[in-house]
Amino acid sequence: MNNFWLRLKVFFKLALFGALAIYVCSFVIQNQGRQTRLWFWFGDDWTTSVLLATVGSFAAGIVTALLFGTIWKTYRQFREIRSRNRVTRMEREMDDMRAKAQRLQTRK
């Protein structure tokens, strides 16, 4: 029975991959010759193929996602550094207070 579920899982993964491959191939075939105009700035229209515009959009999305991920990771690192510095400063102040209390106790 366990072998059946494994085969079913592999079959569905292969079917999904096959359907995705068929869609990508048909997308490329249908859009390789079509032209579109892209607007980037005022008075500046570019004419390019739909396929190239799609690939460029996906690449820009990936770069943007990586950039935001890097920014978020850097922000968390800054927060961690501030937290560590605050803990270190509090430990140092506590050590100073203990040392001062110990000096006061030895003077009596």
PDB file of N, CA and C in Angstrom:
ATOM      1  N   MET A   1       0.820  -1.197   0.000  1.00  0.00           N
ATOM      2  CA  MET A   1       0.000   0.000   0.000  1.00  0.00           C
ATOM      3  C   MET A   1       0.860   1.256   0.000  1.00  0.00           C
ATOM      4  N   ASN A   2       1.955   1.209   0.740  1.00  0.00           N
ATOM      5  CA  ASN A   2       2.857   2.356   0.809  1.00  0.00           C
ATOM      6  C   ASN A   2       3.471   2.638  -0.558  1.00  0.00           C
ATOM      7  N   ASN A   3       3.769   1.568  -1.311  1.00  0.00           N
ATOM      8  CA  ASN A   3       4.335   1.704  -2.643  1.00  0.00           C
ATOM      9  C   ASN A   3       3.334   2.362  -3.591  1.00  0.00           C
ATOM     10  N   PHE A   4       2.046   2.084  -3.406  1.00  0.00           N
ATOM     11  CA  PHE A   4       1.001   2.687  -4.232  1.00  0.00           C
ATOM     12  C   PHE A   4       0.987   4.206  -4.073  1.00  0.00           C
ATOM     13  N   TRP A   5       1.033   4.691  -2.832  1.00  0.00           N
ATOM     14  CA  TRP A   5       0.990   6.142  -2.587  1.00  0.00           C
ATOM     15  C   TRP A   5       2.223   6.823  -3.140  1.00  0.00           C
ATOM     16  N   LEU A   6       3.368   6.142  -3.063  1.00  0.00           N
ATOM     17  CA  LEU A   6       4.594   6.703  -3.633  1.00  0.00           C
ATOM     18  C   LEU A   6       4.476   6.811  -5.149  1.00  0.00           C
ATOM     19  N   ARG A   7       3.958   5.782  -5.793  1.00  0.00           N
ATOM     20  CA  ARG A   7       3.779   5.812  -7.248  1.00  0.00           C
ATOM     21  C   ARG A   7       2.777   6.896  -7.648  1.00  0.00           C
ATOM     22  N   LEU A   8       1.697   7.025  -6.882  1.00  0.00           N
ATOM     23  CA  LEU A   8       0.696   8.044  -7.158  1.00  0.00           C
ATOM     24  C   LEU A   8       1.296   9.444  -7.033  1.00  0.00           C
ATOM     25  N   LYS A   9       2.089   9.632  -6.012  1.00  0.00           N
ATOM     26  CA  LYS A   9       2.745  10.923  -5.807  1.00  0.00           C
ATOM     27  C   LYS A   9       3.691  11.251  -6.966  1.00  0.00           C
ATOM     28  N   VAL A  10       4.486  10.281  -7.384  1.00  0.00           N
ATOM     29  CA  VAL A  10       5.414  10.479  -8.503  1.00  0.00           C
ATOM     30  C   VAL A  10       4.633  10.744  -9.793  1.00  0.00           C
ATOM     31  N   PHE A  11       3.538  10.015 -10.008  1.00  0.00           N
ATOM     32  CA  PHE A  11       2.721  10.215 -11.204  1.00  0.00           C
ATOM     33  C   PHE A  11       2.173  11.635 -11.255  1.00  0.00           C
ATOM     34  N   PHE A  12       1.634  12.130 -10.138  1.00  0.00           N
ATOM     35  CA  PHE A  12       1.077  13.478 -10.123  1.00  0.00           C
ATOM     36  C   PHE A  12       2.156  14.534 -10.322  1.00  0.00           C
ATOM     37  N   LYS A  13       3.331  14.319  -9.766  1.00  0.00           N
ATOM     38  CA  LYS A  13       4.428  15.269  -9.986  1.00  0.00           C
ATOM     39  C   LYS A  13       4.837  15.291 -11.458  1.00  0.00           C
ATOM     40  N   LEU A  14       4.929  14.125 -12.067  1.00  0.00           N
ATOM     41  CA  LEU A  14       5.278  14.061 -13.493  1.00  0.00           C
ATOM     42  C   LEU A  14       4.189  14.697 -14.347  1.00  0.00           C
ATOM     43  N   ALA A  15       2.927  14.456 -14.021  1.00  0.00           N
ATOM     44  CA  ALA A  15       1.830  15.050 -14.777  1.00  0.00           C
ATOM     45  C   ALA A  15       1.850  16.568 -14.648  1.00  0.00           C
ATOM     46  N   LEU A  16       2.093  17.074 -13.453  1.00  0.00           N
ATOM     47  CA  LEU A  16       2.162  18.518 -13.245  1.00  0.00           C
ATOM     48  C   LEU A  16       3.340  19.127 -14.009  1.00  0.00           C
ATOM     49  N   PHE A  17       4.489  18.474 -13.936  1.00  0.00           N
ATOM     50  CA  PHE A  17       5.660  18.958 -14.672  1.00  0.00           C
ATOM     51  C   PHE A  17       5.409  18.929 -16.178  1.00  0.00           C
ATOM     52  N   GLY A  18       4.768  17.863 -16.669  1.00  0.00           N
ATOM     53  CA  GLY A  18       4.455  17.769 -18.095  1.00  0.00           C
ATOM     54  C   GLY A  18       3.494  18.861 -18.539  1.00  0.00           C
ATOM     55  N   ALA A  19       2.452  19.116 -17.741  1.00  0.00           N
ATOM     56  CA  ALA A  19       1.500  20.173 -18.078  1.00  0.00           C
ATOM     57  C   ALA A  19       2.182  21.537 -18.077  1.00  0.00           C
ATOM     58  N   LEU A  20       3.054  21.758 -17.114  1.00  0.00           N
ATOM     59  CA  LEU A  20       3.798  23.019 -17.056  1.00  0.00           C
ATOM     60  C   LEU A  20       4.722  23.162 -18.265  1.00  0.00           C
ATOM     61  N   ALA A  21       5.386  22.087 -18.655  1.00  0.00           N
ATOM     62  CA  ALA A  21       6.269  22.132 -19.818  1.00  0.00           C
ATOM     63  C   ALA A  21       5.481  22.405 -21.096  1.00  0.00           C
ATOM     64  N   ILE A  22       4.323  21.778 -21.231  1.00  0.00           N
ATOM     65  CA  ILE A  22       3.484  22.021 -22.410  1.00  0.00           C
ATOM     66  C   ILE A  22       3.036  23.480 -22.439  1.00  0.00           C
ATOM     67  N   TYR A  23       2.636  24.020 -21.287  1.00  0.00           N
ATOM     68  CA  TYR A  23       2.205  25.416 -21.247  1.00  0.00           C
ATOM     69  C   TYR A  23       3.344  26.362 -21.613  1.00  0.00           C
ATOM     70  N   VAL A  24       4.533  26.130 -21.068  1.00  0.00           N
ATOM     71  CA  VAL A  24       5.673  27.006 -21.363  1.00  0.00           C
ATOM     72  C   VAL A  24       6.002  26.949 -22.852  1.00  0.00           C
ATOM     73  N   CYS A  25       6.001  25.758 -23.431  1.00  0.00           N
ATOM     74  CA  CYS A  25       6.284  25.633 -24.870  1.00  0.00           C
ATOM     75  C   CYS A  25       5.239  26.365 -25.703  1.00  0.00           C
ATOM     76  N   SER A  26       3.963  26.196 -25.362  1.00  0.00           N
ATOM     77  CA  SER A  26       2.924  26.886 -26.132  1.00  0.00           C
ATOM     78  C   SER A  26       2.998  28.397 -25.935  1.00  0.00           C
ATOM     79  N   PHE A  27       3.349  28.849 -24.741  1.00  0.00           N
ATOM     80  CA  PHE A  27       3.511  30.282 -24.487  1.00  0.00           C
ATOM     81  C   PHE A  27       4.616  30.865 -25.357  1.00  0.00           C
ATOM     82  N   VAL A  28       5.741  30.161 -25.419  1.00  0.00           N
ATOM     83  CA  VAL A  28       6.868  30.631 -26.232  1.00  0.00           C
ATOM     84  C   VAL A  28       6.484  30.653 -27.712  1.00  0.00           C
ATOM     85  N   ILE A  29       5.829  29.600 -28.185  1.00  0.00           N
ATOM     86  CA  ILE A  29       5.453  29.534 -29.596  1.00  0.00           C
ATOM     87  C   ILE A  29       4.458  30.639 -29.953  1.00  0.00           C
ATOM     88  N   GLN A  30       3.473  30.876 -29.103  1.00  0.00           N
ATOM     89  CA  GLN A  30       2.441  31.874 -29.390  1.00  0.00           C
ATOM     90  C   GLN A  30       2.963  33.307 -29.309  1.00  0.00           C
ATOM     91  N   ASN A  31       3.952  33.564 -28.472  1.00  0.00           N
ATOM     92  CA  ASN A  31       4.378  34.941 -28.223  1.00  0.00           C
ATOM     93  C   ASN A  31       5.728  35.318 -28.816  1.00  0.00           C
ATOM     94  N   GLN A  32       6.356  34.427 -29.559  1.00  0.00           N
ATOM     95  CA  GLN A  32       7.692  34.769 -30.050  1.00  0.00           C
ATOM     96  C   GLN A  32       7.659  35.816 -31.160  1.00  0.00           C
ATOM     97  N   GLY A  33       6.610  35.904 -31.918  1.00  0.00           N
ATOM     98  CA  GLY A  33       6.567  36.857 -33.014  1.00  0.00           C
ATOM     99  C   GLY A  33       5.755  38.111 -32.719  1.00  0.00           C
ATOM    100  N   ARG A  34       5.032  38.141 -31.628  1.00  0.00           N
ATOM    101  CA  ARG A  34       4.183  39.291 -31.308  1.00  0.00           C
ATOM    102  C   ARG A  34       5.008  40.439 -30.768  1.00  0.00           C
ATOM    103  N   GLN A  35       4.632  41.627 -31.191  1.00  0.00           N
ATOM    104  CA  GLN A  35       5.337  42.832 -30.752  1.00  0.00           C
ATOM    105  C   GLN A  35       4.453  43.614 -29.787  1.00  0.00           C
ATOM    106  N   THR A  36       5.093  44.323 -28.881  1.00  0.00           N
ATOM    107  CA  THR A  36       4.372  45.172 -27.940  1.00  0.00           C
ATOM    108  C   THR A  36       5.185  46.433 -27.685  1.00  0.00           C
ATOM    109  N   ARG A  37       4.505  47.463 -27.218  1.00  0.00           N
ATOM    110  CA  ARG A  37       5.187  48.712 -26.874  1.00  0.00           C
ATOM    111  C   ARG A  37       5.251  48.825 -25.366  1.00  0.00           C
ATOM    112  N   LEU A  38       6.433  49.127 -24.863  1.00  0.00           N
ATOM    113  CA  LEU A  38       6.626  49.319 -23.425  1.00  0.00           C
ATOM    114  C   LEU A  38       6.948  50.777 -23.154  1.00  0.00           C
ATOM    115  N   TRP A  39       6.375  51.298 -22.085  1.00  0.00           N
ATOM    116  CA  TRP A  39       6.623  52.671 -21.678  1.00  0.00           C
ATOM    117  C   TRP A  39       7.507  52.665 -20.452  1.00  0.00           C
ATOM    118  N   PHE A  40       8.646  53.362 -20.511  1.00  0.00           N
ATOM    119  CA  PHE A  40       9.548  53.457 -19.374  1.00  0.00           C
ATOM    120  C   PHE A  40       9.603  54.867 -18.806  1.00  0.00           C
ATOM    121  N   TRP A  41       9.514  55.865 -19.671  1.00  0.00           N
ATOM    122  CA  TRP A  41       9.598  57.251 -19.235  1.00  0.00           C
ATOM    123  C   TRP A  41       8.846  58.115 -20.234  1.00  0.00           C
ATOM    124  N   PHE A  42       8.586  59.349 -19.888  1.00  0.00           N
ATOM    125  CA  PHE A  42       7.798  60.229 -20.735  1.00  0.00           C
ATOM    126  C   PHE A  42       8.433  60.387 -22.113  1.00  0.00           C
ATOM    127  N   GLY A  43       7.640  60.180 -23.141  1.00  0.00           N
ATOM    128  CA  GLY A  43       8.102  60.344 -24.511  1.00  0.00           C
ATOM    129  C   GLY A  43       9.038  59.247 -24.976  1.00  0.00           C
ATOM    130  N   ASP A  44       9.096  58.127 -24.265  1.00  0.00           N
ATOM    131  CA  ASP A  44      10.053  57.071 -24.598  1.00  0.00           C
ATOM    132  C   ASP A  44       9.325  55.732 -24.631  1.00  0.00           C
ATOM    133  N   ASP A  45       8.864  55.311 -25.795  1.00  0.00           N
ATOM    134  CA  ASP A  45       8.224  54.003 -25.969  1.00  0.00           C
ATOM    135  C   ASP A  45       9.194  53.069 -26.666  1.00  0.00           C
ATOM    136  N   TRP A  46       9.294  51.855 -26.156  1.00  0.00           N
ATOM    137  CA  TRP A  46      10.147  50.850 -26.772  1.00  0.00           C
ATOM    138  C   TRP A  46       9.269  49.776 -27.387  1.00  0.00           C
ATOM    139  N   THR A  47       9.638  49.312 -28.559  1.00  0.00           N
ATOM    140  CA  THR A  47       8.933  48.208 -29.191  1.00  0.00           C
ATOM    141  C   THR A  47       9.796  46.962 -29.035  1.00  0.00           C
ATOM    142  N   THR A  48       9.200  45.926 -28.482  1.00  0.00           N
ATOM    143  CA  THR A  48       9.925  44.679 -28.233  1.00  0.00           C
ATOM    144  C   THR A  48       8.947  43.518 -28.343  1.00  0.00           C
ATOM    145  N   SER A  49       9.461  42.311 -28.324  1.00  0.00           N
ATOM    146  CA  SER A  49       8.574  41.147 -28.400  1.00  0.00           C
ATOM    147  C   SER A  49       7.960  40.881 -27.020  1.00  0.00           C
ATOM    148  N   VAL A  50       6.789  40.268 -27.042  1.00  0.00           N
ATOM    149  CA  VAL A  50       6.093  39.940 -25.803  1.00  0.00           C
ATOM    150  C   VAL A  50       6.925  38.958 -24.984  1.00  0.00           C
ATOM    151  N   LEU A  51       7.581  38.029 -25.671  1.00  0.00           N
ATOM    152  CA  LEU A  51       8.405  37.039 -24.985  1.00  0.00           C
ATOM    153  C   LEU A  51       9.551  37.695 -24.237  1.00  0.00           C
ATOM    154  N   LEU A  52      10.231  38.635 -24.888  1.00  0.00           N
ATOM    155  CA  LEU A  52      11.334  39.335 -24.239  1.00  0.00           C
ATOM    156  C   LEU A  52      10.837  40.195 -23.080  1.00  0.00           C
ATOM    157  N   ALA A  53       9.672  40.825 -23.243  1.00  0.00           N
ATOM    158  CA  ALA A  53       9.105  41.633 -22.156  1.00  0.00           C
ATOM    159  C   ALA A  53       8.735  40.753 -20.963  1.00  0.00           C
ATOM    160  N   THR A  54       8.214  39.554 -21.215  1.00  0.00           N
ATOM    161  CA  THR A  54       7.856  38.637 -20.139  1.00  0.00           C
ATOM    162  C   THR A  54       9.089  38.149 -19.397  1.00  0.00           C
ATOM    163  N   VAL A  55      10.112  37.758 -20.138  1.00  0.00           N
ATOM    164  CA  VAL A  55      11.356  37.304 -19.509  1.00  0.00           C
ATOM    165  C   VAL A  55      11.978  38.435 -18.685  1.00  0.00           C
ATOM    166  N   GLY A  56      11.958  39.643 -19.229  1.00  0.00           N
ATOM    167  CA  GLY A  56      12.479  40.787 -18.489  1.00  0.00           C
ATOM    168  C   GLY A  56      11.688  41.070 -17.226  1.00  0.00           C
ATOM    169  N   SER A  57      10.375  40.919 -17.295  1.00  0.00           N
ATOM    170  CA  SER A  57       9.532  41.139 -16.113  1.00  0.00           C
ATOM    171  C   SER A  57       9.824  40.102 -15.034  1.00  0.00           C
ATOM    172  N   PHE A  58       9.961  38.841 -15.430  1.00  0.00           N
ATOM    173  CA  PHE A  58      10.299  37.811 -14.458  1.00  0.00           C
ATOM    174  C   PHE A  58      11.666  38.069 -13.828  1.00  0.00           C
ATOM    175  N   ALA A  59      12.637  38.458 -14.637  1.00  0.00           N
ATOM    176  CA  ALA A  59      13.975  38.745 -14.106  1.00  0.00           C
ATOM    177  C   ALA A  59      13.937  39.923 -13.144  1.00  0.00           C
ATOM    178  N   ALA A  60      13.179  40.961 -13.496  1.00  0.00           N
ATOM    179  CA  ALA A  60      13.064  42.115 -12.606  1.00  0.00           C
ATOM    180  C   ALA A  60      12.383  41.722 -11.299  1.00  0.00           C
ATOM    181  N   GLY A  61      11.403  40.846 -11.364  1.00  0.00           N
ATOM    182  CA  GLY A  61      10.732  40.374 -10.152  1.00  0.00           C
ATOM    183  C   GLY A  61      11.666  39.588  -9.254  1.00  0.00           C
ATOM    184  N   ILE A  62      12.499  38.751  -9.854  1.00  0.00           N
ATOM    185  CA  ILE A  62      13.457  37.969  -9.065  1.00  0.00           C
ATOM    186  C   ILE A  62      14.469  38.892  -8.402  1.00  0.00           C
ATOM    187  N   VAL A  63      14.992  39.855  -9.160  1.00  0.00           N
ATOM    188  CA  VAL A  63      15.967  40.804  -8.589  1.00  0.00           C
ATOM    189  C   VAL A  63      15.332  41.616  -7.460  1.00  0.00           C
ATOM    190  N   THR A  64      14.092  42.039  -7.648  1.00  0.00           N
ATOM    191  CA  THR A  64      13.398  42.805  -6.616  1.00  0.00           C
ATOM    192  C   THR A  64      13.186  41.968  -5.360  1.00  0.00           C
ATOM    193  N   ALA A  65      12.785  40.715  -5.523  1.00  0.00           N
ATOM    194  CA  ALA A  65      12.587  39.841  -4.370  1.00  0.00           C
ATOM    195  C   ALA A  65      13.901  39.627  -3.611  1.00  0.00           C
ATOM    196  N   LEU A  66      14.982  39.411  -4.341  1.00  0.00           N
ATOM    197  CA  LEU A  66      16.283  39.245  -3.688  1.00  0.00           C
ATOM    198  C   LEU A  66      16.707  40.514  -2.961  1.00  0.00           C
ATOM    199  N   LEU A  67      16.452  41.659  -3.578  1.00  0.00           N
ATOM    200  CA  LEU A  67      16.804  42.933  -2.959  1.00  0.00           C
ATOM    201  C   LEU A  67      16.028  43.154  -1.662  1.00  0.00           C
ATOM    202  N   PHE A  68      14.715  42.915  -1.695  1.00  0.00           N
ATOM    203  CA  PHE A  68      13.917  43.085  -0.481  1.00  0.00           C
ATOM    204  C   PHE A  68      14.328  42.087   0.594  1.00  0.00           C
ATOM    205  N   GLY A  69      14.660  40.857   0.198  1.00  0.00           N
ATOM    206  CA  GLY A  69      15.141  39.866   1.169  1.00  0.00           C
ATOM    207  C   GLY A  69      16.432  40.311   1.830  1.00  0.00           C
ATOM    208  N   THR A  70      17.342  40.859   1.037  1.00  0.00           N
ATOM    209  CA  THR A  70      18.607  41.345   1.579  1.00  0.00           C
ATOM    210  C   THR A  70      18.384  42.528   2.513  1.00  0.00           C
ATOM    211  N   ILE A  71      17.492  43.435   2.125  1.00  0.00           N
ATOM    212  CA  ILE A  71      17.197  44.591   2.983  1.00  0.00           C
ATOM    213  C   ILE A  71      16.601  44.124   4.304  1.00  0.00           C
ATOM    214  N   TRP A  72      15.672  43.190   4.258  1.00  0.00           N
ATOM    215  CA  TRP A  72      15.039  42.695   5.480  1.00  0.00           C
ATOM    216  C   TRP A  72      16.057  41.994   6.377  1.00  0.00           C
ATOM    217  N   LYS A  73      16.952  41.191   5.795  1.00  0.00           N
ATOM    218  CA  LYS A  73      17.970  40.501   6.586  1.00  0.00           C
ATOM    219  C   LYS A  73      18.915  41.510   7.240  1.00  0.00           C
ATOM    220  N   THR A  74      19.301  42.550   6.510  1.00  0.00           N
ATOM    221  CA  THR A  74      20.178  43.586   7.068  1.00  0.00           C
ATOM    222  C   THR A  74      19.474  44.324   8.206  1.00  0.00           C
ATOM    223  N   TYR A  75      18.188  44.611   8.038  1.00  0.00           N
ATOM    224  CA  TYR A  75      17.424  45.273   9.094  1.00  0.00           C
ATOM    225  C   TYR A  75      17.395  44.410  10.356  1.00  0.00           C
ATOM    226  N   ARG A  76      17.166  43.105  10.213  1.00  0.00           N
ATOM    227  CA  ARG A  76      17.179  42.216  11.380  1.00  0.00           C
ATOM    228  C   ARG A  76      18.559  42.160  12.031  1.00  0.00           C
ATOM    229  N   GLN A  77      19.624  42.196  11.220  1.00  0.00           N
ATOM    230  CA  GLN A  77      20.975  42.189  11.786  1.00  0.00           C
ATOM    231  C   GLN A  77      21.233  43.460  12.586  1.00  0.00           C
ATOM    232  N   PHE A  78      20.770  44.612  12.086  1.00  0.00           N
ATOM    233  CA  PHE A  78      20.922  45.853  12.840  1.00  0.00           C
ATOM    234  C   PHE A  78      20.169  45.788  14.159  1.00  0.00           C
ATOM    235  N   ARG A  79      18.955  45.244  14.136  1.00  0.00           N
ATOM    236  CA  ARG A  79      18.192  45.100  15.382  1.00  0.00           C
ATOM    237  C   ARG A  79      18.911  44.186  16.357  1.00  0.00           C
ATOM    238  N   GLU A  80      19.489  43.105  15.873  1.00  0.00           N
ATOM    239  CA  GLU A  80      20.215  42.179  16.738  1.00  0.00           C
ATOM    240  C   GLU A  80      21.456  42.841  17.323  1.00  0.00           C
ATOM    241  N   ILE A  81      22.162  43.622  16.519  1.00  0.00           N
ATOM    242  CA  ILE A  81      23.354  44.323  17.017  1.00  0.00           C
ATOM    243  C   ILE A  81      22.969  45.311  18.106  1.00  0.00           C
ATOM    244  N   ARG A  82      21.878  46.072  17.889  1.00  0.00           N
ATOM    245  CA  ARG A  82      21.416  47.016  18.913  1.00  0.00           C
ATOM    246  C   ARG A  82      21.033  46.283  20.190  1.00  0.00           C
ATOM    247  N   SER A  83      20.371  45.153  20.060  1.00  0.00           N
ATOM    248  CA  SER A  83      19.970  44.375  21.226  1.00  0.00           C
ATOM    249  C   SER A  83      21.182  43.850  21.978  1.00  0.00           C
ATOM    250  N   ARG A  84      22.154  43.349  21.254  1.00  0.00           N
ATOM    251  CA  ARG A  84      23.379  42.855  21.907  1.00  0.00           C
ATOM    252  C   ARG A  84      24.126  43.977  22.613  1.00  0.00           C
ATOM    253  N   ASN A  85      24.206  45.132  21.948  1.00  0.00           N
ATOM    254  CA  ASN A  85      24.879  46.267  22.589  1.00  0.00           C
ATOM    255  C   ASN A  85      24.156  46.692  23.856  1.00  0.00           C
ATOM    256  N   ARG A  86      22.828  46.699  23.826  1.00  0.00           N
ATOM    257  CA  ARG A  86      22.050  47.075  25.005  1.00  0.00           C
ATOM    258  C   ARG A  86      22.286  46.078  26.138  1.00  0.00           C
ATOM    259  N   VAL A  87      22.299  44.769  25.829  1.00  0.00           N
ATOM    260  CA  VAL A  87      22.544  43.750  26.855  1.00  0.00           C
ATOM    261  C   VAL A  87      23.950  43.884  27.410  1.00  0.00           C
ATOM    262  N   THR A  88      24.927  44.114  26.547  1.00  0.00           N
ATOM    263  CA  THR A  88      26.313  44.282  27.002  1.00  0.00           C
ATOM    264  C   THR A  88      26.441  45.492  27.905  1.00  0.00           C
ATOM    265  N   ARG A  89      25.799  46.607  27.530  1.00  0.00           N
ATOM    266  CA  ARG A  89      25.857  47.816  28.351  1.00  0.00           C
ATOM    267  C   ARG A  89      25.197  47.583  29.715  1.00  0.00           C
ATOM    268  N   MET A  90      24.068  46.881  29.727  1.00  0.00           N
ATOM    269  CA  MET A  90      23.396  46.607  30.997  1.00  0.00           C
ATOM    270  C   MET A  90      24.230  45.684  31.877  1.00  0.00           C
ATOM    271  N   GLU A  91      24.884  44.697  31.267  1.00  0.00           N
ATOM    272  CA  GLU A  91      25.764  43.807  32.039  1.00  0.00           C
ATOM    273  C   GLU A  91      26.941  44.588  32.613  1.00  0.00           C
ATOM    274  N   ARG A  92      27.501  45.502  31.815  1.00  0.00           N
ATOM    275  CA  ARG A  92      28.616  46.316  32.283  1.00  0.00           C
ATOM    276  C   ARG A  92      28.181  47.209  33.457  1.00  0.00           C
ATOM    277  N   GLU A  93      26.997  47.822  33.337  1.00  0.00           N
ATOM    278  CA  GLU A  93      26.484  48.658  34.421  1.00  0.00           C
ATOM    279  C   GLU A  93      26.237  47.834  35.679  1.00  0.00           C
ATOM    280  N   MET A  94      25.711  46.618  35.511  1.00  0.00           N
ATOM    281  CA  MET A  94      25.477  45.746  36.665  1.00  0.00           C
ATOM    282  C   MET A  94      26.794  45.348  37.315  1.00  0.00           C
ATOM    283  N   ASP A  95      27.814  45.052  36.523  1.00  0.00           N
ATOM    284  CA  ASP A  95      29.121  44.724  37.074  1.00  0.00           C
ATOM    285  C   ASP A  95      29.701  45.914  37.828  1.00  0.00           C
ATOM    286  N   ASP A  96      29.527  47.127  37.272  1.00  0.00           N
ATOM    287  CA  ASP A  96      30.010  48.334  37.965  1.00  0.00           C
ATOM    288  C   ASP A  96      29.291  48.519  39.294  1.00  0.00           C
ATOM    289  N   MET A  97      27.979  48.293  39.300  1.00  0.00           N
ATOM    290  CA  MET A  97      27.224  48.426  40.542  1.00  0.00           C
ATOM    291  C   MET A  97      27.671  47.400  41.571  1.00  0.00           C
ATOM    292  N   ARG A  98      27.924  46.180  41.144  1.00  0.00           N
ATOM    293  CA  ARG A  98      28.402  45.139  42.075  1.00  0.00           C
ATOM    294  C   ARG A  98      29.778  45.491  42.615  1.00  0.00           C
ATOM    295  N   ALA A  99      30.646  45.979  41.732  1.00  0.00           N
ATOM    296  CA  ALA A  99      31.999  46.354  42.182  1.00  0.00           C
ATOM    297  C   ALA A  99      31.922  47.510  43.182  1.00  0.00           C
ATOM    298  N   LYS A 100      31.062  48.469  42.917  1.00  0.00           N
ATOM    299  CA  LYS A 100      30.901  49.604  43.825  1.00  0.00           C
ATOM    300  C   LYS A 100      30.321  49.127  45.166  1.00  0.00           C
ATOM    301  N   ALA A 101      29.345  48.245  45.132  1.00  0.00           N
ATOM    302  CA  ALA A 101      28.791  47.709  46.363  1.00  0.00           C
ATOM    303  C   ALA A 101      29.809  46.914  47.141  1.00  0.00           C
ATOM    304  N   GLN A 102      30.655  46.184  46.456  1.00  0.00           N
ATOM    305  CA  GLN A 102      31.675  45.398  47.129  1.00  0.00           C
ATOM    306  C   GLN A 102      32.718  46.300  47.777  1.00  0.00           C
ATOM    307  N   ARG A 103      33.073  47.399  47.100  1.00  0.00           N
ATOM    308  CA  ARG A 103      34.013  48.357  47.686  1.00  0.00           C
ATOM    309  C   ARG A 103      33.427  49.017  48.933  1.00  0.00           C
ATOM    310  N   LEU A 104      32.161  49.325  48.888  1.00  0.00           N
ATOM    311  CA  LEU A 104      31.507  49.934  50.035  1.00  0.00           C
ATOM    312  C   LEU A 104      31.439  48.975  51.206  1.00  0.00           C
ATOM    313  N   GLN A 105      31.251  47.697  50.941  1.00  0.00           N
ATOM    314  CA  GLN A 105      31.187  46.724  52.026  1.00  0.00           C
ATOM    315  C   GLN A 105      32.558  46.495  52.642  1.00  0.00           C
ATOM    316  N   THR A 106      33.633  46.572  51.881  1.00  0.00           N
ATOM    317  CA  THR A 106      34.965  46.327  52.438  1.00  0.00           C
ATOM    318  C   THR A 106      35.485  47.509  53.222  1.00  0.00           C
ATOM    319  N   ARG A 107      34.940  48.733  53.032  1.00  0.00           N
ATOM    320  CA  ARG A 107      35.400  49.904  53.773  1.00  0.00           C
ATOM    321  C   ARG A 107      34.907  49.885  55.204  1.00  0.00           C
ATOM    322  N   LYS A 108      33.855  49.236  55.525  1.00  0.00           N
ATOM    323  CA  LYS A 108      33.329  49.237  56.889  1.00  0.00           C
ATOM    324  C   LYS A 108      34.169  48.500  57.852  1.00  0.00           C
TER     325      LYS A 108
END
